[in-house]
Amino acid sequence: MTSSPSDTPTPAGDARVALVTGATGYVGGLLVPRLLDAGYTVRALTRSADKLPEEWADRVEVAEGDANEPADLASALIGADLAYYFIHSMDGSGDFVERDRRLAREFGRAAREAGVGRIVYLSGLHPQGKLSKHLASRVEVGEILMACGVPTAVLQAATVIGSGSASFEMLRHLTKRLPVMVAPKWLKNRIQPVGIDDVLHYLVAAADLPPEVNRTFDIGGPDVLTYKAMMQGFAEETGLRHRMIVTLPVLTPWLASHWVGLVTPVDAGVAKPLVGSLVHEVVCQEDDLREMVGAPPGGPTPYRDAVRSAVGTR
């Protein structure tokens, strides 16, 4: 049943209200039940209530609206103690940088005016220096949110390993469909992948950071691998034979994104930012969040364990 937050009674007890944007997306959809299990009253901002997952749609408050509309944002944020920002433009449109900049500014302003206590944003792990256009935009969004006046935790992750993750699905399909491939040389770059369960642990835990904490955090698993090694590891864990991968220096990110689109179901508008991020070596420079909030249950998930969970063999 769809309800407006302004018409929804204040929840009984001491349950904090967590607004989740992007609740129909991959990470947002998985985070909602984790927050519910942690005792939060969850409010989902969505353009269409009909698209919310059936398994938890009737357990949340629904704020039906558009993050582009200031009135919808203001309504969704009424009484929220915490807000998760999962709004990214990965549709290939040329104006995505300005669009994401404007959305982040409006969200930060609305959250500040609503008296929200903390924003949590999932961004991309990145090195110093020049970045791909999409990754640079993700970094800028984090900076805008941290400057908005609401304490913000920006969690920076590389490849997320989990069924349904766009980066994992690209890895899965490339490995399964191409036993022999000619690939760009940056498949030899180092990456620190992270399992989706670890990401969800840190997202929930970040809500309880002290109010003076307003910063970025690198999050990653225990393994640092090349993308090539990740593909070989996936092949071994799923019973595929060894992949023959020849790397060449001539395949640009633009060409590679179209190559990915040809051989996988991943849309070119999504593949382009994913491929662009692989140009960089993305390895955690600090582990402060784990030290502040604790490790995931059982410790950080090794890459191959995360793959087995993602494909249902663990």
Protein backbone atom coordinates (compact mmCIF):
# COMPACT_ATOMS: atom_id res chain seq x y z
CA MET A 1 0.00 0.00 0.00
CA THR A 2 1.43 3.37 -1.04
CA SER A 3 1.59 6.09 1.57
CA SER A 4 2.99 9.59 1.79
CA PRO A 5 5.50 10.12 4.62
CA SER A 6 3.66 13.25 5.68
CA ASP A 7 0.52 11.17 6.21
CA THR A 8 2.30 8.30 7.95
CA PRO A 9 2.15 8.20 11.76
CA THR A 10 5.42 8.48 13.63
CA PRO A 11 6.60 4.92 14.32
CA ALA A 12 6.18 3.69 17.84
CA GLY A 13 9.17 3.20 20.09
CA ASP A 14 12.68 4.35 19.36
CA ALA A 15 12.98 2.99 15.81
CA ARG A 16 14.99 5.32 13.62
CA VAL A 17 13.70 6.17 10.16
CA ALA A 18 16.04 5.37 7.27
CA LEU A 19 15.24 6.74 3.82
CA VAL A 20 16.58 4.56 0.99
CA THR A 21 16.78 6.10 -2.46
CA GLY A 22 17.30 3.74 -5.36
CA ALA A 23 15.38 1.07 -3.46
CA THR A 24 14.52 -0.77 -6.70
CA GLY A 25 18.20 -0.96 -7.63
CA TYR A 26 20.63 -3.76 -6.85
CA VAL A 27 22.26 -2.49 -3.64
CA GLY A 28 19.23 -0.57 -2.38
CA GLY A 29 16.95 -3.55 -2.83
CA LEU A 30 19.27 -5.76 -0.80
CA LEU A 31 19.93 -3.15 1.87
CA VAL A 32 16.26 -2.60 2.80
CA PRO A 33 15.71 -6.01 4.48
CA ARG A 34 19.04 -5.64 6.31
CA LEU A 35 17.87 -2.33 7.75
CA LEU A 36 14.49 -3.80 8.67
CA ASP A 37 16.22 -6.66 10.47
CA ALA A 38 18.39 -4.10 12.30
CA GLY A 39 15.24 -2.45 13.69
CA TYR A 40 14.91 0.56 11.42
CA THR A 41 11.70 1.93 10.04
CA VAL A 42 12.53 2.02 6.34
CA ARG A 43 11.12 4.49 3.86
CA ALA A 44 11.68 3.80 0.17
CA LEU A 45 11.75 6.64 -2.35
CA THR A 46 10.66 5.31 -5.73
CA ARG A 47 8.98 6.59 -8.85
CA SER A 48 6.74 3.53 -8.91
CA ALA A 49 5.64 1.59 -5.84
CA ASP A 50 4.70 -1.33 -8.10
CA LYS A 51 8.39 -1.95 -8.82
CA LEU A 52 9.37 -2.56 -5.19
CA PRO A 53 10.31 -6.20 -4.42
CA GLU A 54 7.34 -8.17 -3.13
CA GLU A 55 9.34 -9.75 -0.31
CA TRP A 56 9.58 -6.48 1.60
CA ALA A 57 7.28 -3.95 -0.11
CA ASP A 58 4.58 -4.30 2.56
CA ARG A 59 7.10 -3.79 5.39
CA VAL A 60 8.23 -0.29 4.41
CA GLU A 61 6.86 3.20 4.14
CA VAL A 62 6.64 4.17 0.47
CA ALA A 63 7.46 7.68 -0.69
CA GLU A 64 6.33 7.65 -4.30
CA GLY A 65 8.07 10.44 -6.14
CA ASP A 66 10.99 11.63 -8.23
CA ALA A 67 14.37 12.65 -6.76
CA ASN A 68 14.47 15.34 -9.45
CA GLU A 69 11.49 17.09 -7.84
CA PRO A 70 12.30 19.24 -4.75
CA ALA A 71 8.80 18.77 -3.32
CA ASP A 72 9.07 14.98 -3.56
CA LEU A 73 12.49 15.05 -1.87
CA ALA A 74 11.25 17.27 0.94
CA SER A 75 8.27 14.99 1.55
CA ALA A 76 10.38 11.83 1.52
CA LEU A 77 12.87 13.26 4.02
CA ILE A 78 10.32 14.36 6.64
CA GLY A 79 11.29 12.77 9.95
CA ALA A 80 14.17 10.76 8.46
CA ASP A 81 17.11 10.19 10.80
CA LEU A 82 19.28 8.66 8.10
CA ALA A 83 19.38 8.77 4.30
CA TYR A 84 21.04 6.38 1.85
CA TYR A 85 21.97 7.96 -1.46
CA PHE A 86 22.02 5.44 -4.31
CA ILE A 87 21.30 7.74 -7.22
CA HIS A 88 23.66 7.34 -10.19
CA SER A 89 23.24 8.10 -13.88
CA MET A 90 24.55 5.11 -15.83
CA ASP A 91 22.36 5.37 -18.90
CA GLY A 92 24.88 6.69 -21.43
CA SER A 93 23.29 10.14 -21.63
CA GLY A 94 25.80 12.89 -22.28
CA ASP A 95 24.59 15.19 -19.52
CA PHE A 96 25.10 12.75 -16.66
CA VAL A 97 27.85 14.77 -14.94
CA GLU A 98 25.75 17.92 -14.58
CA ARG A 99 22.66 15.85 -13.81
CA ASP A 100 24.37 13.97 -10.96
CA ARG A 101 25.92 17.20 -9.67
CA ARG A 102 22.52 18.88 -9.52
CA LEU A 103 20.82 15.88 -7.92
CA ALA A 104 23.47 15.64 -5.21
CA ARG A 105 23.24 19.35 -4.42
CA GLU A 106 19.46 19.24 -4.20
CA PHE A 107 19.50 16.11 -2.06
CA GLY A 108 22.09 17.54 0.32
CA ARG A 109 20.14 20.78 0.68
CA ALA A 110 16.86 18.93 1.30
CA ALA A 111 18.48 16.59 3.83
CA ARG A 112 19.99 19.51 5.73
CA GLU A 113 16.69 21.38 5.82
CA ALA A 114 14.89 18.23 7.02
CA GLY A 115 17.35 17.78 9.88
CA VAL A 116 18.64 14.40 8.70
CA GLY A 117 21.38 13.13 11.00
CA ARG A 118 23.52 11.26 8.46
CA ILE A 119 23.86 10.51 4.76
CA VAL A 120 25.50 7.31 3.54
CA TYR A 121 26.65 7.15 -0.08
CA LEU A 122 28.17 4.25 -2.00
CA SER A 123 30.83 5.52 -4.41
CA GLY A 124 33.70 4.06 -6.39
CA LEU A 125 37.17 3.19 -5.18
CA HIS A 126 39.71 5.23 -7.11
CA PRO A 127 43.38 6.23 -7.25
CA GLN A 128 44.71 9.77 -7.15
CA GLY A 129 45.06 11.69 -10.39
CA LYS A 130 43.01 11.84 -13.57
CA LEU A 131 39.94 9.60 -13.55
CA SER A 132 37.46 8.35 -16.09
CA LYS A 133 34.50 10.68 -16.56
CA HIS A 134 32.04 8.46 -14.74
CA LEU A 135 34.33 7.68 -11.82
CA ALA A 136 35.25 11.37 -11.47
CA SER A 137 31.55 12.18 -11.29
CA ARG A 138 31.01 9.61 -8.54
CA VAL A 139 33.86 11.21 -6.58
CA GLU A 140 32.38 14.68 -7.11
CA VAL A 141 28.97 13.56 -5.84
CA GLY A 142 30.61 12.34 -2.63
CA GLU A 143 32.37 15.68 -2.19
CA ILE A 144 29.11 17.57 -2.71
CA LEU A 145 27.31 15.48 -0.11
CA MET A 146 30.14 15.85 2.42
CA ALA A 147 29.95 19.64 1.96
CA CYS A 148 26.17 19.89 2.37
CA GLY A 149 26.14 20.30 6.14
CA VAL A 150 24.88 16.80 6.97
CA PRO A 151 27.48 14.31 8.28
CA THR A 152 28.16 12.00 5.36
CA ALA A 153 29.94 8.66 5.06
CA VAL A 154 31.12 7.99 1.50
CA LEU A 155 31.92 4.30 1.10
CA GLN A 156 34.23 3.68 -1.86
CA ALA A 157 34.14 0.18 -3.38
CA ALA A 158 35.69 -1.42 -6.45
CA THR A 159 34.06 -4.41 -8.18
CA VAL A 160 31.14 -5.70 -6.09
CA ILE A 161 30.82 -9.48 -6.23
CA GLY A 162 27.21 -10.59 -6.03
CA SER A 163 24.49 -11.96 -8.28
CA GLY A 164 22.79 -8.99 -9.91
CA SER A 165 25.69 -6.58 -9.49
CA ALA A 166 26.34 -5.02 -12.91
CA SER A 167 30.11 -5.33 -12.50
CA PHE A 168 29.82 -8.99 -11.47
CA GLU A 169 27.41 -9.81 -14.30
CA MET A 170 29.88 -8.31 -16.77
CA LEU A 171 32.64 -10.48 -15.31
CA ARG A 172 30.39 -13.55 -15.36
CA HIS A 173 29.31 -13.18 -18.97
CA LEU A 174 32.74 -12.28 -20.32
CA THR A 175 34.26 -15.33 -18.66
CA LYS A 176 31.53 -17.76 -19.69
CA ARG A 177 31.15 -16.61 -23.29
CA LEU A 178 34.78 -16.10 -24.28
CA PRO A 179 37.07 -19.07 -23.58
CA VAL A 180 39.62 -17.29 -25.81
CA MET A 181 39.75 -13.51 -25.95
CA VAL A 182 41.85 -10.54 -26.99
CA ALA A 183 41.45 -7.98 -24.25
CA PRO A 184 42.83 -4.55 -23.25
CA LYS A 185 46.11 -4.47 -21.33
CA TRP A 186 44.45 -2.90 -18.31
CA LEU A 187 42.94 -6.28 -17.47
CA LYS A 188 46.29 -6.66 -15.74
CA ASN A 189 45.55 -3.74 -13.40
CA ARG A 190 45.13 -4.57 -9.71
CA ILE A 191 41.62 -4.52 -8.23
CA GLN A 192 40.39 -5.14 -4.68
CA PRO A 193 36.94 -6.70 -5.14
CA VAL A 194 34.43 -6.84 -2.30
CA GLY A 195 31.58 -9.27 -1.64
CA ILE A 196 28.07 -7.86 -1.55
CA ASP A 197 27.46 -9.14 1.99
CA ASP A 198 30.48 -7.15 3.18
CA VAL A 199 29.18 -4.04 1.41
CA LEU A 200 25.79 -4.39 3.10
CA HIS A 201 27.46 -4.88 6.49
CA TYR A 202 29.39 -1.64 6.12
CA LEU A 203 26.39 0.30 4.80
CA VAL A 204 24.30 -0.65 7.83
CA ALA A 205 27.15 -0.10 10.28
CA ALA A 206 27.99 3.34 8.85
CA ALA A 207 24.66 4.61 10.18
CA ASP A 208 26.08 4.51 13.71
CA LEU A 209 29.24 6.48 13.07
CA PRO A 210 29.71 9.45 15.44
CA PRO A 211 28.15 12.69 14.14
CA GLU A 212 31.55 14.35 13.77
CA VAL A 213 32.60 11.78 11.14
CA ASN A 214 32.26 13.29 7.67
CA ARG A 215 34.62 11.56 5.25
CA THR A 216 35.34 8.86 2.69
CA PHE A 217 36.09 5.25 3.56
CA ASP A 218 37.70 2.63 1.32
CA ILE A 219 36.02 -0.77 1.56
CA GLY A 220 37.31 -3.97 0.00
CA GLY A 221 37.77 -7.67 0.46
CA PRO A 222 40.98 -9.37 1.59
CA ASP A 223 42.23 -10.14 -1.94
CA VAL A 224 44.01 -7.87 -4.42
CA LEU A 225 43.78 -9.39 -7.91
CA THR A 226 44.00 -8.44 -11.56
CA TYR A 227 40.77 -8.50 -13.54
CA LYS A 228 42.35 -11.32 -15.53
CA ALA A 229 42.93 -13.29 -12.32
CA MET A 230 39.34 -12.60 -11.27
CA MET A 231 38.12 -14.11 -14.55
CA GLN A 232 40.31 -17.17 -14.13
CA GLY A 233 39.12 -17.56 -10.54
CA PHE A 234 35.49 -17.34 -11.65
CA ALA A 235 36.13 -19.96 -14.33
CA GLU A 236 37.66 -22.37 -11.84
CA GLU A 237 34.91 -21.89 -9.26
CA THR A 238 32.20 -22.53 -11.85
CA GLY A 239 33.77 -25.56 -13.53
CA LEU A 240 34.93 -23.83 -16.71
CA ARG A 241 38.25 -24.62 -18.30
CA HIS A 242 41.18 -22.21 -18.15
CA ARG A 243 40.55 -19.05 -20.19
CA MET A 244 43.08 -17.95 -22.83
CA ILE A 245 43.40 -14.19 -22.47
CA VAL A 246 45.77 -12.21 -24.67
CA THR A 247 46.11 -8.54 -23.71
CA LEU A 248 46.83 -5.81 -26.25
CA PRO A 249 47.49 -2.09 -25.71
CA VAL A 250 45.18 -0.93 -28.50
CA LEU A 251 41.67 -1.50 -27.15
CA THR A 252 40.46 1.86 -25.80
CA PRO A 253 37.81 2.08 -23.07
CA TRP A 254 35.31 3.34 -25.67
CA LEU A 255 35.96 0.36 -27.95
CA ALA A 256 36.08 -2.02 -25.01
CA SER A 257 32.68 -0.89 -23.75
CA HIS A 258 31.15 -1.68 -27.14
CA TRP A 259 33.01 -5.00 -27.19
CA VAL A 260 31.49 -5.83 -23.80
CA GLY A 261 28.06 -4.84 -25.13
CA LEU A 262 28.44 -7.19 -28.09
CA VAL A 263 29.42 -10.29 -26.11
CA THR A 264 27.37 -9.80 -22.93
CA PRO A 265 23.80 -8.73 -22.05
CA VAL A 266 25.22 -5.70 -20.21
CA ASP A 267 23.85 -2.53 -21.79
CA ALA A 268 26.50 -0.33 -23.41
CA GLY A 269 25.34 2.63 -21.30
CA VAL A 270 26.20 0.60 -18.18
CA ALA A 271 29.26 -1.10 -19.64
CA LYS A 272 30.96 2.20 -20.50
CA PRO A 273 31.38 3.46 -16.90
CA LEU A 274 32.26 -0.04 -15.69
CA VAL A 275 34.94 -0.48 -18.33
CA GLY A 276 36.18 3.06 -17.77
CA SER A 277 36.81 2.33 -14.09
CA LEU A 278 38.97 -0.69 -15.02
CA VAL A 279 41.52 1.64 -16.59
CA HIS A 280 42.58 2.46 -13.04
CA GLU A 281 44.19 0.32 -10.37
CA VAL A 282 41.69 0.37 -7.52
CA VAL A 283 43.13 -0.80 -4.23
CA CYS A 284 42.14 0.32 -0.72
CA GLN A 285 44.48 2.88 0.81
CA GLU A 286 43.03 2.53 4.30
CA ASP A 287 40.82 0.21 6.34
CA ASP A 288 39.44 2.74 8.82
CA LEU A 289 35.78 1.79 8.57
CA ARG A 290 36.44 -1.81 9.57
CA GLU A 291 38.45 -0.57 12.54
CA MET A 292 35.64 1.81 13.57
CA VAL A 293 32.57 -0.41 13.12
CA GLY A 294 33.96 -3.95 13.10
CA ALA A 295 34.49 -6.53 10.38
CA PRO A 296 31.65 -8.42 8.68
CA PRO A 297 30.57 -11.58 10.54
CA GLY A 298 33.23 -14.18 9.93
CA GLY A 299 35.68 -11.58 8.65
CA PRO A 300 36.08 -10.02 5.20
CA THR A 301 34.89 -12.39 2.47
CA PRO A 302 37.61 -13.82 0.18
CA TYR A 303 36.99 -13.32 -3.54
CA ARG A 304 36.36 -16.97 -4.34
CA ASP A 305 33.94 -17.35 -1.42
CA ALA A 306 32.02 -14.33 -2.73
CA VAL A 307 31.91 -15.88 -6.21
CA ARG A 308 30.57 -19.15 -4.81
CA SER A 309 27.86 -17.26 -2.93
CA ALA A 310 26.97 -15.28 -6.06
CA VAL A 311 26.54 -18.38 -8.22
CA GLY A 312 24.84 -20.41 -5.51
CA THR A 313 27.52 -23.04 -4.93
CA ARG A 314 28.46 -22.05 -1.39
